[in-house]
Amino acid sequence: MKVMHLDGSSDPARVEDLPALLAELDGASDDEPDVGAGDPYGWFVTAYSSGTVVLAHAARPHDPELVLSHVPRDEALTIFTEVLRGDMDAVRARPWVEE
């Protein structure tokens, strides 16, 4: 499991660090617009300062990405937490749009 910071660096992921990770979006720019987190099974979720959240699977690069728009920060935290905990049924139950 890993997280990707706003500056592009990455660290091992811990659920308790997710609020600080998402808070990095307060300093987002056009060059550094997103943060992300991934589980050990290839799922990766990315949050953008615009409120867009994207879910993708590394082993399936040709599959469409799943996108949610206008996601409040607390909902993004819930999604990130579910991904890190491997609760993909809860994650996938949301009304994602394929892109």
PDB file of N, CA and C in Angstrom:
ATOM      1  N   MET A   1       0.855  -1.176   0.000  1.00  0.00           N
ATOM      2  CA  MET A   1       0.000   0.000   0.000  1.00  0.00           C
ATOM      3  C   MET A   1       0.900   1.238   0.000  1.00  0.00           C
ATOM      4  N   LYS A   2       0.486   2.226  -0.766  1.00  0.00           N
ATOM      5  CA  LYS A   2       1.291   3.446  -0.826  1.00  0.00           C
ATOM      6  C   LYS A   2       0.383   4.647  -1.039  1.00  0.00           C
ATOM      7  N   VAL A   3       0.919   5.815  -0.711  1.00  0.00           N
ATOM      8  CA  VAL A   3       0.236   7.075  -1.008  1.00  0.00           C
ATOM      9  C   VAL A   3       1.136   7.896  -1.913  1.00  0.00           C
ATOM     10  N   MET A   4       0.501   8.720  -2.731  1.00  0.00           N
ATOM     11  CA  MET A   4       1.217   9.646  -3.599  1.00  0.00           C
ATOM     12  C   MET A   4       0.862  11.058  -3.129  1.00  0.00           C
ATOM     13  N   HIS A   5       1.894  11.810  -2.770  1.00  0.00           N
ATOM     14  CA  HIS A   5       1.698  13.167  -2.272  1.00  0.00           C
ATOM     15  C   HIS A   5       1.536  14.163  -3.416  1.00  0.00           C
ATOM     16  N   LEU A   6       1.115  15.349  -3.057  1.00  0.00           N
ATOM     17  CA  LEU A   6       0.904  16.426  -4.022  1.00  0.00           C
ATOM     18  C   LEU A   6       2.169  16.722  -4.824  1.00  0.00           C
ATOM     19  N   ASP A   7       3.327  16.585  -4.199  1.00  0.00           N
ATOM     20  CA  ASP A   7       4.593  16.881  -4.885  1.00  0.00           C
ATOM     21  C   ASP A   7       5.097  15.717  -5.728  1.00  0.00           C
ATOM     22  N   GLY A   8       4.344  14.627  -5.788  1.00  0.00           N
ATOM     23  CA  GLY A   8       4.725  13.466  -6.593  1.00  0.00           C
ATOM     24  C   GLY A   8       5.517  12.418  -5.842  1.00  0.00           C
ATOM     25  N   SER A   9       5.926  12.703  -4.618  1.00  0.00           N
ATOM     26  CA  SER A   9       6.638  11.703  -3.830  1.00  0.00           C
ATOM     27  C   SER A   9       5.648  10.666  -3.307  1.00  0.00           C
ATOM     28  N   SER A  10       6.166   9.522  -2.871  1.00  0.00           N
ATOM     29  CA  SER A  10       5.286   8.490  -2.338  1.00  0.00           C
ATOM     30  C   SER A  10       5.867   7.922  -1.050  1.00  0.00           C
ATOM     31  N   ASP A  11       4.973   7.378  -0.235  1.00  0.00           N
ATOM     32  CA  ASP A  11       5.320   6.790   1.049  1.00  0.00           C
ATOM     33  C   ASP A  11       4.438   5.573   1.272  1.00  0.00           C
ATOM     34  N   PRO A  12       4.831   4.711   2.217  1.00  0.00           N
ATOM     35  CA  PRO A  12       3.912   3.645   2.616  1.00  0.00           C
ATOM     36  C   PRO A  12       2.612   4.258   3.140  1.00  0.00           C
ATOM     37  N   ALA A  13       1.509   3.594   2.866  1.00  0.00           N
ATOM     38  CA  ALA A  13       0.192   4.128   3.239  1.00  0.00           C
ATOM     39  C   ALA A  13      -0.222   3.648   4.625  1.00  0.00           C
ATOM     40  N   ARG A  14      -0.770   4.583   5.376  1.00  0.00           N
ATOM     41  CA  ARG A  14      -1.402   4.261   6.661  1.00  0.00           C
ATOM     42  C   ARG A  14      -2.709   5.026   6.713  1.00  0.00           C
ATOM     43  N   VAL A  15      -3.767   4.349   7.137  1.00  0.00           N
ATOM     44  CA  VAL A  15      -5.087   4.970   7.178  1.00  0.00           C
ATOM     45  C   VAL A  15      -5.067   6.253   8.000  1.00  0.00           C
ATOM     46  N   GLU A  16      -4.347   6.254   9.090  1.00  0.00           N
ATOM     47  CA  GLU A  16      -4.335   7.434   9.962  1.00  0.00           C
ATOM     48  C   GLU A  16      -3.668   8.647   9.308  1.00  0.00           C
ATOM     49  N   ASP A  17      -2.922   8.447   8.222  1.00  0.00           N
ATOM     50  CA  ASP A  17      -2.277   9.557   7.517  1.00  0.00           C
ATOM     51  C   ASP A  17      -3.142  10.142   6.403  1.00  0.00           C
ATOM     52  N   LEU A  18      -4.274   9.517   6.100  1.00  0.00           N
ATOM     53  CA  LEU A  18      -5.090   9.966   4.978  1.00  0.00           C
ATOM     54  C   LEU A  18      -5.669  11.372   5.136  1.00  0.00           C
ATOM     55  N   PRO A  19      -6.124  11.795   6.328  1.00  0.00           N
ATOM     56  CA  PRO A  19      -6.619  13.177   6.428  1.00  0.00           C
ATOM     57  C   PRO A  19      -5.552  14.206   6.041  1.00  0.00           C
ATOM     58  N   ALA A  20      -4.315  13.994   6.470  1.00  0.00           N
ATOM     59  CA  ALA A  20      -3.231  14.925   6.117  1.00  0.00           C
ATOM     60  C   ALA A  20      -2.935  14.868   4.624  1.00  0.00           C
ATOM     61  N   LEU A  21      -3.002  13.670   4.036  1.00  0.00           N
ATOM     62  CA  LEU A  21      -2.780  13.537   2.598  1.00  0.00           C
ATOM     63  C   LEU A  21      -3.804  14.352   1.823  1.00  0.00           C
ATOM     64  N   LEU A  22      -5.070  14.211   2.160  1.00  0.00           N
ATOM     65  CA  LEU A  22      -6.114  14.962   1.457  1.00  0.00           C
ATOM     66  C   LEU A  22      -6.024  16.454   1.729  1.00  0.00           C
ATOM     67  N   ALA A  23      -5.542  16.831   2.906  1.00  0.00           N
ATOM     68  CA  ALA A  23      -5.364  18.257   3.223  1.00  0.00           C
ATOM     69  C   ALA A  23      -4.311  18.900   2.323  1.00  0.00           C
ATOM     70  N   GLU A  24      -3.409  18.093   1.766  1.00  0.00           N
ATOM     71  CA  GLU A  24      -2.421  18.628   0.825  1.00  0.00           C
ATOM     72  C   GLU A  24      -3.096  19.281  -0.383  1.00  0.00           C
ATOM     73  N   LEU A  25      -4.319  18.863  -0.692  1.00  0.00           N
ATOM     74  CA  LEU A  25      -5.040  19.439  -1.840  1.00  0.00           C
ATOM     75  C   LEU A  25      -5.307  20.932  -1.661  1.00  0.00           C
ATOM     76  N   ASP A  26      -5.242  21.427  -0.423  1.00  0.00           N
ATOM     77  CA  ASP A  26      -5.419  22.862  -0.189  1.00  0.00           C
ATOM     78  C   ASP A  26      -4.317  23.673  -0.865  1.00  0.00           C
ATOM     79  N   GLY A  27      -3.171  23.055  -1.113  1.00  0.00           N
ATOM     80  CA  GLY A  27      -2.059  23.731  -1.774  1.00  0.00           C
ATOM     81  C   GLY A  27      -1.869  23.297  -3.217  1.00  0.00           C
ATOM     82  N   ALA A  28      -2.891  22.715  -3.804  1.00  0.00           N
ATOM     83  CA  ALA A  28      -2.785  22.202  -5.175  1.00  0.00           C
ATOM     84  C   ALA A  28      -2.603  23.323  -6.187  1.00  0.00           C
ATOM     85  N   SER A  29      -1.934  22.972  -7.287  1.00  0.00           N
ATOM     86  CA  SER A  29      -1.728  23.917  -8.388  1.00  0.00           C
ATOM     87  C   SER A  29      -1.991  23.181  -9.699  1.00  0.00           C
ATOM     88  N   ASP A  30      -1.895  23.901 -10.804  1.00  0.00           N
ATOM     89  CA  ASP A  30      -2.056  23.258 -12.105  1.00  0.00           C
ATOM     90  C   ASP A  30      -0.987  22.198 -12.339  1.00  0.00           C
ATOM     91  N   ASP A  31       0.194  22.417 -11.792  1.00  0.00           N
ATOM     92  CA  ASP A  31       1.289  21.461 -11.961  1.00  0.00           C
ATOM     93  C   ASP A  31       1.173  20.270 -11.017  1.00  0.00           C
ATOM     94  N   GLU A  32       0.581  20.468  -9.871  1.00  0.00           N
ATOM     95  CA  GLU A  32       0.448  19.424  -8.855  1.00  0.00           C
ATOM     96  C   GLU A  32      -0.985  19.428  -8.342  1.00  0.00           C
ATOM     97  N   PRO A  33      -1.915  18.808  -9.104  1.00  0.00           N
ATOM     98  CA  PRO A  33      -3.337  18.922  -8.773  1.00  0.00           C
ATOM     99  C   PRO A  33      -3.934  17.784  -7.966  1.00  0.00           C
ATOM    100  N   ASP A  34      -3.142  16.718  -7.639  1.00  0.00           N
ATOM    101  CA  ASP A  34      -3.783  15.536  -7.084  1.00  0.00           C
ATOM    102  C   ASP A  34      -2.924  14.795  -6.070  1.00  0.00           C
ATOM    103  N   VAL A  35      -3.612  13.969  -5.274  1.00  0.00           N
ATOM    104  CA  VAL A  35      -2.982  13.027  -4.353  1.00  0.00           C
ATOM    105  C   VAL A  35      -3.651  11.679  -4.602  1.00  0.00           C
ATOM    106  N   GLY A  36      -3.004  10.611  -4.164  1.00  0.00           N
ATOM    107  CA  GLY A  36      -3.591   9.300  -4.402  1.00  0.00           C
ATOM    108  C   GLY A  36      -3.145   8.272  -3.385  1.00  0.00           C
ATOM    109  N   ALA A  37      -3.820   7.116  -3.427  1.00  0.00           N
ATOM    110  CA  ALA A  37      -3.480   6.006  -2.549  1.00  0.00           C
ATOM    111  C   ALA A  37      -3.844   4.704  -3.239  1.00  0.00           C
ATOM    112  N   GLY A  38      -3.032   3.680  -2.988  1.00  0.00           N
ATOM    113  CA  GLY A  38      -3.285   2.395  -3.617  1.00  0.00           C
ATOM    114  C   GLY A  38      -3.205   1.242  -2.645  1.00  0.00           C
ATOM    115  N   ASP A  39      -3.924   0.182  -2.989  1.00  0.00           N
ATOM    116  CA  ASP A  39      -3.889  -1.029  -2.174  1.00  0.00           C
ATOM    117  C   ASP A  39      -2.899  -2.025  -2.789  1.00  0.00           C
ATOM    118  N   PRO A  40      -2.597  -3.119  -2.098  1.00  0.00           N
ATOM    119  CA  PRO A  40      -1.618  -4.067  -2.637  1.00  0.00           C
ATOM    120  C   PRO A  40      -2.137  -4.902  -3.806  1.00  0.00           C
ATOM    121  N   TYR A  41      -3.402  -4.767  -4.148  1.00  0.00           N
ATOM    122  CA  TYR A  41      -4.000  -5.574  -5.217  1.00  0.00           C
ATOM    123  C   TYR A  41      -4.128  -4.809  -6.530  1.00  0.00           C
ATOM    124  N   GLY A  42      -3.612  -3.589  -6.595  1.00  0.00           N
ATOM    125  CA  GLY A  42      -3.582  -2.843  -7.836  1.00  0.00           C
ATOM    126  C   GLY A  42      -4.586  -1.717  -7.966  1.00  0.00           C
ATOM    127  N   TRP A  43      -5.519  -1.591  -7.022  1.00  0.00           N
ATOM    128  CA  TRP A  43      -6.473  -0.482  -7.074  1.00  0.00           C
ATOM    129  C   TRP A  43      -5.774   0.791  -6.631  1.00  0.00           C
ATOM    130  N   PHE A  44      -6.054   1.884  -7.330  1.00  0.00           N
ATOM    131  CA  PHE A  44      -5.477   3.179  -6.984  1.00  0.00           C
ATOM    132  C   PHE A  44      -6.555   4.241  -7.115  1.00  0.00           C
ATOM    133  N   VAL A  45      -6.696   5.045  -6.075  1.00  0.00           N
ATOM    134  CA  VAL A  45      -7.688   6.120  -6.072  1.00  0.00           C
ATOM    135  C   VAL A  45      -6.943   7.454  -6.038  1.00  0.00           C
ATOM    136  N   THR A  46      -7.406   8.394  -6.852  1.00  0.00           N
ATOM    137  CA  THR A  46      -6.793   9.708  -6.952  1.00  0.00           C
ATOM    138  C   THR A  46      -7.850  10.769  -6.672  1.00  0.00           C
ATOM    139  N   ALA A  47      -7.493  11.759  -5.862  1.00  0.00           N
ATOM    140  CA  ALA A  47      -8.390  12.887  -5.587  1.00  0.00           C
ATOM    141  C   ALA A  47      -7.749  14.158  -6.132  1.00  0.00           C
ATOM    142  N   TYR A  48      -8.561  14.961  -6.780  1.00  0.00           N
ATOM    143  CA  TYR A  48      -8.118  16.239  -7.343  1.00  0.00           C
ATOM    144  C   TYR A  48      -8.713  17.381  -6.528  1.00  0.00           C
ATOM    145  N   SER A  49      -8.035  18.510  -6.544  1.00  0.00           N
ATOM    146  CA  SER A  49      -8.508  19.670  -5.784  1.00  0.00           C
ATOM    147  C   SER A  49      -9.879  20.129  -6.263  1.00  0.00           C
ATOM    148  N   SER A  50     -10.256  19.783  -7.478  1.00  0.00           N
ATOM    149  CA  SER A  50     -11.561  20.154  -8.037  1.00  0.00           C
ATOM    150  C   SER A  50     -12.718  19.379  -7.421  1.00  0.00           C
ATOM    151  N   GLY A  51     -12.400  18.327  -6.648  1.00  0.00           N
ATOM    152  CA  GLY A  51     -13.446  17.479  -6.090  1.00  0.00           C
ATOM    153  C   GLY A  51     -13.690  16.226  -6.903  1.00  0.00           C
ATOM    154  N   THR A  52     -12.917  16.013  -7.948  1.00  0.00           N
ATOM    155  CA  THR A  52     -13.027  14.795  -8.744  1.00  0.00           C
ATOM    156  C   THR A  52     -12.207  13.690  -8.091  1.00  0.00           C
ATOM    157  N   VAL A  53     -12.788  12.486  -8.053  1.00  0.00           N
ATOM    158  CA  VAL A  53     -12.090  11.303  -7.553  1.00  0.00           C
ATOM    159  C   VAL A  53     -12.098  10.269  -8.670  1.00  0.00           C
ATOM    160  N   VAL A  54     -10.933   9.655  -8.918  1.00  0.00           N
ATOM    161  CA  VAL A  54     -10.779   8.674  -9.992  1.00  0.00           C
ATOM    162  C   VAL A  54     -10.288   7.362  -9.391  1.00  0.00           C
ATOM    163  N   LEU A  55     -10.908   6.267  -9.822  1.00  0.00           N
ATOM    164  CA  LEU A  55     -10.522   4.928  -9.388  1.00  0.00           C
ATOM    165  C   LEU A  55     -10.043   4.150 -10.610  1.00  0.00           C
ATOM    166  N   ALA A  56      -8.882   3.515 -10.496  1.00  0.00           N
ATOM    167  CA  ALA A  56      -8.328   2.739 -11.599  1.00  0.00           C
ATOM    168  C   ALA A  56      -7.628   1.507 -11.030  1.00  0.00           C
ATOM    169  N   HIS A  57      -7.397   0.526 -11.904  1.00  0.00           N
ATOM    170  CA  HIS A  57      -6.679  -0.682 -11.515  1.00  0.00           C
ATOM    171  C   HIS A  57      -5.429  -0.802 -12.373  1.00  0.00           C
ATOM    172  N   ALA A  58      -4.280  -0.909 -11.728  1.00  0.00           N
ATOM    173  CA  ALA A  58      -2.997  -0.919 -12.438  1.00  0.00           C
ATOM    174  C   ALA A  58      -2.856  -2.103 -13.384  1.00  0.00           C
ATOM    175  N   ALA A  59      -3.438  -3.234 -13.032  1.00  0.00           N
ATOM    176  CA  ALA A  59      -3.300  -4.428 -13.871  1.00  0.00           C
ATOM    177  C   ALA A  59      -4.256  -4.421 -15.056  1.00  0.00           C
ATOM    178  N   ARG A  60      -5.121  -3.421 -15.101  1.00  0.00           N
ATOM    179  CA  ARG A  60      -6.096  -3.325 -16.186  1.00  0.00           C
ATOM    180  C   ARG A  60      -6.024  -1.944 -16.849  1.00  0.00           C
ATOM    181  N   PRO A  61      -4.897  -1.609 -17.453  1.00  0.00           N
ATOM    182  CA  PRO A  61      -4.725  -0.253 -17.999  1.00  0.00           C
ATOM    183  C   PRO A  61      -5.673   0.086 -19.146  1.00  0.00           C
ATOM    184  N   HIS A  62      -6.268  -0.915 -19.776  1.00  0.00           N
ATOM    185  CA  HIS A  62      -7.178  -0.636 -20.889  1.00  0.00           C
ATOM    186  C   HIS A  62      -8.624  -0.491 -20.432  1.00  0.00           C
ATOM    187  N   ASP A  63      -8.903  -0.819 -19.171  1.00  0.00           N
ATOM    188  CA  ASP A  63     -10.248  -0.608 -18.626  1.00  0.00           C
ATOM    189  C   ASP A  63     -10.486   0.886 -18.443  1.00  0.00           C
ATOM    190  N   PRO A  64     -11.728   1.333 -18.596  1.00  0.00           N
ATOM    191  CA  PRO A  64     -11.994   2.752 -18.349  1.00  0.00           C
ATOM    192  C   PRO A  64     -11.779   3.091 -16.878  1.00  0.00           C
ATOM    193  N   GLU A  65     -11.347   4.319 -16.655  1.00  0.00           N
ATOM    194  CA  GLU A  65     -11.268   4.793 -15.271  1.00  0.00           C
ATOM    195  C   GLU A  65     -12.686   5.057 -14.779  1.00  0.00           C
ATOM    196  N   LEU A  66     -12.856   4.941 -13.468  1.00  0.00           N
ATOM    197  CA  LEU A  66     -14.139   5.245 -12.843  1.00  0.00           C
ATOM    198  C   LEU A  66     -14.019   6.602 -12.179  1.00  0.00           C
ATOM    199  N   VAL A  67     -14.995   7.486 -12.425  1.00  0.00           N
ATOM    200  CA  VAL A  67     -14.886   8.880 -11.994  1.00  0.00           C
ATOM    201  C   VAL A  67     -16.123   9.306 -11.211  1.00  0.00           C
ATOM    202  N   LEU A  68     -15.888  10.019 -10.126  1.00  0.00           N
ATOM    203  CA  LEU A  68     -16.932  10.709  -9.364  1.00  0.00           C
ATOM    204  C   LEU A  68     -16.588  12.195  -9.368  1.00  0.00           C
ATOM    205  N   SER A  69     -17.576  13.032  -9.549  1.00  0.00           N
ATOM    206  CA  SER A  69     -17.355  14.483  -9.550  1.00  0.00           C
ATOM    207  C   SER A  69     -17.982  15.123  -8.324  1.00  0.00           C
ATOM    208  N   HIS A  70     -17.463  16.278  -7.948  1.00  0.00           N
ATOM    209  CA  HIS A  70     -17.999  17.083  -6.843  1.00  0.00           C
ATOM    210  C   HIS A  70     -18.046  16.287  -5.542  1.00  0.00           C
ATOM    211  N   VAL A  71     -16.967  15.575  -5.257  1.00  0.00           N
ATOM    212  CA  VAL A  71     -16.890  14.744  -4.050  1.00  0.00           C
ATOM    213  C   VAL A  71     -16.395  15.611  -2.895  1.00  0.00           C
ATOM    214  N   PRO A  72     -17.183  15.724  -1.814  1.00  0.00           N
ATOM    215  CA  PRO A  72     -16.707  16.471  -0.643  1.00  0.00           C
ATOM    216  C   PRO A  72     -15.481  15.776  -0.035  1.00  0.00           C
ATOM    217  N   ARG A  73     -14.664  16.536   0.634  1.00  0.00           N
ATOM    218  CA  ARG A  73     -13.425  16.000   1.201  1.00  0.00           C
ATOM    219  C   ARG A  73     -13.684  14.837   2.155  1.00  0.00           C
ATOM    220  N   ASP A  74     -14.741  14.913   2.971  1.00  0.00           N
ATOM    221  CA  ASP A  74     -15.006  13.810   3.907  1.00  0.00           C
ATOM    222  C   ASP A  74     -15.399  12.531   3.174  1.00  0.00           C
ATOM    223  N   GLU A  75     -16.089  12.661   2.056  1.00  0.00           N
ATOM    224  CA  GLU A  75     -16.436  11.490   1.238  1.00  0.00           C
ATOM    225  C   GLU A  75     -15.182  10.924   0.576  1.00  0.00           C
ATOM    226  N   ALA A  76     -14.285  11.794   0.115  1.00  0.00           N
ATOM    227  CA  ALA A  76     -13.018  11.332  -0.458  1.00  0.00           C
ATOM    228  C   ALA A  76     -12.220  10.561   0.595  1.00  0.00           C
ATOM    229  N   LEU A  77     -12.209  11.042   1.825  1.00  0.00           N
ATOM    230  CA  LEU A  77     -11.520  10.342   2.905  1.00  0.00           C
ATOM    231  C   LEU A  77     -12.108   8.952   3.109  1.00  0.00           C
ATOM    232  N   THR A  78     -13.427   8.851   3.064  1.00  0.00           N
ATOM    233  CA  THR A  78     -14.074   7.548   3.214  1.00  0.00           C
ATOM    234  C   THR A  78     -13.655   6.611   2.082  1.00  0.00           C
ATOM    235  N   ILE A  79     -13.653   7.111   0.859  1.00  0.00           N
ATOM    236  CA  ILE A  79     -13.263   6.290  -0.290  1.00  0.00           C
ATOM    237  C   ILE A  79     -11.807   5.838  -0.157  1.00  0.00           C
ATOM    238  N   PHE A  80     -10.913   6.749   0.170  1.00  0.00           N
ATOM    239  CA  PHE A  80      -9.503   6.400   0.348  1.00  0.00           C
ATOM    240  C   PHE A  80      -9.342   5.341   1.433  1.00  0.00           C
ATOM    241  N   THR A  81     -10.044   5.511   2.531  1.00  0.00           N
ATOM    242  CA  THR A  81      -9.960   4.551   3.637  1.00  0.00           C
ATOM    243  C   THR A  81     -10.448   3.175   3.189  1.00  0.00           C
ATOM    244  N   GLU A  82     -11.551   3.138   2.478  1.00  0.00           N
ATOM    245  CA  GLU A  82     -12.084   1.864   1.995  1.00  0.00           C
ATOM    246  C   GLU A  82     -11.111   1.177   1.038  1.00  0.00           C
ATOM    247  N   VAL A  83     -10.471   1.949   0.158  1.00  0.00           N
ATOM    248  CA  VAL A  83      -9.494   1.357  -0.757  1.00  0.00           C
ATOM    249  C   VAL A  83      -8.332   0.759   0.023  1.00  0.00           C
ATOM    250  N   LEU A  84      -7.779   1.515   0.973  1.00  0.00           N
ATOM    251  CA  LEU A  84      -6.646   0.993   1.740  1.00  0.00           C
ATOM    252  C   LEU A  84      -7.020  -0.218   2.569  1.00  0.00           C
ATOM    253  N   ARG A  85      -8.242  -0.285   3.026  1.00  0.00           N
ATOM    254  CA  ARG A  85      -8.689  -1.437   3.831  1.00  0.00           C
ATOM    255  C   ARG A  85      -9.146  -2.606   2.963  1.00  0.00           C
ATOM    256  N   GLY A  86      -9.170  -2.400   1.651  1.00  0.00           N
ATOM    257  CA  GLY A  86      -9.566  -3.465   0.746  1.00  0.00           C
ATOM    258  C   GLY A  86     -11.062  -3.682   0.650  1.00  0.00           C
ATOM    259  N   ASP A  87     -11.853  -2.708   1.064  1.00  0.00           N
ATOM    260  CA  ASP A  87     -13.312  -2.818   1.023  1.00  0.00           C
ATOM    261  C   ASP A  87     -13.829  -2.338  -0.332  1.00  0.00           C
ATOM    262  N   MET A  88     -13.449  -3.066  -1.379  1.00  0.00           N
ATOM    263  CA  MET A  88     -13.774  -2.632  -2.734  1.00  0.00           C
ATOM    264  C   MET A  88     -15.262  -2.758  -3.064  1.00  0.00           C
ATOM    265  N   ASP A  89     -15.988  -3.620  -2.360  1.00  0.00           N
ATOM    266  CA  ASP A  89     -17.434  -3.682  -2.579  1.00  0.00           C
ATOM    267  C   ASP A  89     -18.079  -2.346  -2.224  1.00  0.00           C
ATOM    268  N   ALA A  90     -17.656  -1.763  -1.102  1.00  0.00           N
ATOM    269  CA  ALA A  90     -18.190  -0.458  -0.699  1.00  0.00           C
ATOM    270  C   ALA A  90     -17.760   0.629  -1.679  1.00  0.00           C
ATOM    271  N   VAL A  91     -16.520   0.577  -2.110  1.00  0.00           N
ATOM    272  CA  VAL A  91     -16.012   1.576  -3.058  1.00  0.00           C
ATOM    273  C   VAL A  91     -16.779   1.492  -4.373  1.00  0.00           C
ATOM    274  N   ARG A  92     -16.907   0.298  -4.901  1.00  0.00           N
ATOM    275  CA  ARG A  92     -17.539   0.110  -6.216  1.00  0.00           C
ATOM    276  C   ARG A  92     -19.043   0.347  -6.187  1.00  0.00           C
ATOM    277  N   ALA A  93     -19.664   0.384  -4.994  1.00  0.00           N
ATOM    278  CA  ALA A  93     -21.111   0.596  -4.881  1.00  0.00           C
ATOM    279  C   ALA A  93     -21.514   2.043  -5.175  1.00  0.00           C
ATOM    280  N   ARG A  94     -20.560   2.942  -5.249  1.00  0.00           N
ATOM    281  CA  ARG A  94     -20.869   4.347  -5.531  1.00  0.00           C
ATOM    282  C   ARG A  94     -21.239   4.533  -7.009  1.00  0.00           C
ATOM    283  N   PRO A  95     -21.860   5.657  -7.340  1.00  0.00           N
ATOM    284  CA  PRO A  95     -22.306   5.864  -8.733  1.00  0.00           C
ATOM    285  C   PRO A  95     -21.193   6.371  -9.656  1.00  0.00           C
ATOM    286  N   TRP A  96     -20.144   5.567  -9.834  1.00  0.00           N
ATOM    287  CA  TRP A  96     -19.031   5.924 -10.684  1.00  0.00           C
ATOM    288  C   TRP A  96     -19.474   6.046 -12.135  1.00  0.00           C
ATOM    289  N   VAL A  97     -18.806   6.913 -12.861  1.00  0.00           N
ATOM    290  CA  VAL A  97     -19.022   7.067 -14.295  1.00  0.00           C
ATOM    291  C   VAL A  97     -17.752   6.580 -14.987  1.00  0.00           C
ATOM    292  N   GLU A  98     -17.889   5.722 -15.979  1.00  0.00           N
ATOM    293  CA  GLU A  98     -16.730   5.235 -16.723  1.00  0.00           C
ATOM    294  C   GLU A  98     -16.235   6.299 -17.694  1.00  0.00           C
ATOM    295  N   GLU A  99     -14.930   6.498 -17.715  1.00  0.00           N
ATOM    296  CA  GLU A  99     -14.327   7.454 -18.658  1.00  0.00           C
ATOM    297  C   GLU A  99     -13.099   6.843 -19.276  1.00  0.00           C
TER     298      GLU A  99
END
